[in-house]
Protein backbone atom coordinates (compact mmCIF):
# COMPACT_ATOMS: atom_id res chain seq x y z
CA MET A 1 3.19 -6.37 -15.87
CA LYS A 2 2.10 -3.82 -18.44
CA ASP A 3 0.97 -1.10 -16.03
CA ILE A 4 4.23 0.66 -15.20
CA LYS A 5 2.69 2.81 -12.44
CA LEU A 6 1.36 -0.28 -10.66
CA SER A 7 4.63 -2.18 -11.15
CA ASN A 8 6.54 0.72 -9.63
CA ALA A 9 4.11 0.92 -6.71
CA LEU A 10 4.49 -2.82 -6.13
CA SER A 11 8.26 -2.29 -6.02
CA GLN A 12 7.80 0.25 -3.26
CA VAL A 13 5.42 -2.04 -1.37
CA SER A 14 7.91 -4.90 -1.69
CA ALA A 15 10.73 -2.74 -0.33
CA ILE A 16 8.59 -1.65 2.63
CA LEU A 17 7.52 -5.22 3.38
CA ALA A 18 11.16 -6.31 3.38
CA TYR A 19 11.64 -4.19 6.51
CA THR A 20 8.40 -5.20 8.22
CA GLU A 21 8.57 -8.95 8.70
CA GLU A 22 5.75 -8.85 11.27
CA LEU A 23 3.37 -7.29 8.73
CA LYS A 24 4.58 -9.57 5.96
CA GLU A 25 3.72 -12.62 8.08
CA GLN A 26 0.08 -11.41 8.33
CA LEU A 27 -0.34 -11.35 4.55
CA PRO A 28 -1.41 -14.29 2.40
CA THR A 29 1.37 -16.01 0.49
CA LYS A 30 -0.55 -15.43 -2.75
CA LEU A 31 -0.48 -11.67 -2.16
CA ILE A 32 3.27 -11.68 -1.44
CA ASP A 33 3.84 -13.80 -4.56
CA PHE A 34 1.75 -11.37 -6.64
CA ILE A 35 3.70 -8.38 -5.36
CA GLU A 36 7.06 -10.04 -5.98
CA SER A 37 6.22 -11.39 -9.44
CA ASN A 38 4.68 -8.13 -10.68
CA LYS A 39 6.96 -5.48 -9.22
CA SER A 40 9.16 -3.51 -11.57
CA ILE A 41 12.73 -4.69 -11.82
CA ASN A 42 13.79 -1.37 -13.35
CA TYR A 43 12.30 1.02 -10.78
CA ASN A 44 14.96 2.37 -8.44
CA TRP A 45 13.63 3.43 -5.04
CA GLU A 46 15.18 2.87 -1.64
CA PHE A 47 13.20 2.56 1.56
CA ASP A 48 14.86 4.22 4.56
CA PRO A 49 13.57 2.68 7.80
CA CYS A 50 14.89 5.68 9.74
CA ILE A 51 12.51 8.09 7.99
CA PRO A 52 8.75 8.05 8.72
CA LEU A 53 6.71 6.41 5.98
CA GLU A 54 4.80 9.62 5.19
CA GLU A 55 8.14 11.31 4.36
CA GLN A 56 9.35 8.56 1.99
CA ASN A 57 8.15 10.09 -1.29
CA LEU A 58 5.71 7.26 -1.92
CA LEU A 59 3.84 7.01 -5.20
CA GLN A 60 0.09 7.62 -4.98
CA ASP A 61 -0.55 4.03 -6.10
CA THR A 62 1.72 2.79 -3.30
CA LYS A 63 -0.34 4.70 -0.75
CA VAL A 64 -3.51 3.15 -2.15
CA LEU A 65 -2.04 -0.36 -2.06
CA LEU A 66 -0.80 0.09 1.51
CA GLY A 67 -4.25 1.34 2.50
CA ILE A 68 -5.89 -1.70 0.95
CA ILE A 69 -3.44 -4.03 2.69
CA TYR A 70 -3.96 -2.25 6.00
CA ARG A 71 -7.75 -2.41 5.75
CA ALA A 72 -7.88 -6.02 4.59
CA TYR A 73 -5.30 -7.61 6.87
CA MET A 74 -4.50 -5.40 9.85
CA CYS A 75 -7.63 -3.58 11.02
CA ASP A 76 -9.98 -4.96 13.61
CA ASP A 77 -13.71 -4.65 12.88
CA ASP A 78 -14.16 -1.34 14.73
CA GLU A 79 -11.16 0.26 13.06
CA ARG A 80 -12.31 -1.03 9.65
CA LYS A 81 -15.74 0.57 10.18
CA GLU A 82 -14.13 3.90 11.08
CA LEU A 83 -11.84 3.69 8.07
CA ASP A 84 -14.75 2.85 5.76
CA LYS A 85 -16.71 5.79 7.16
CA ALA A 86 -13.78 8.17 6.57
CA LEU A 87 -13.26 6.85 3.04
CA PHE A 88 -16.97 7.26 2.29
CA GLU A 89 -16.95 10.84 3.58
CA ASN A 90 -13.85 11.68 1.54
CA GLU A 91 -15.48 10.24 -1.58
CA LYS A 92 -18.63 12.33 -0.97
CA LYS A 93 -16.52 15.48 -0.62
CA ARG A 94 -14.59 14.68 -3.77
CA ASN A 95 -17.85 14.16 -5.71
CA LEU A 96 -19.25 17.47 -4.45
CA ASN A 97 -16.13 19.30 -5.66
CA ASN A 98 -16.33 17.87 -9.19
């Protein structure tokens, strides 16, 4: 993969998924295959399951990818609506500040 930032983020996502078999089972095989075949083999980052995810020094792209995965495969309809509403409001605020 030519986009180093995305490859590095996919490496982090892969490492996180390796510790969350329950989540990994909810994801389509094609998505797992994409993550594994496009992750960076040179990026060195270790996931520590004893530390909360928000304290893991995640890349911004990793946070975005995890958010997309969460919204697409884990949320129920009500939670997805609330998440979409929050994302929309955040986007409006960001546009007002630019």
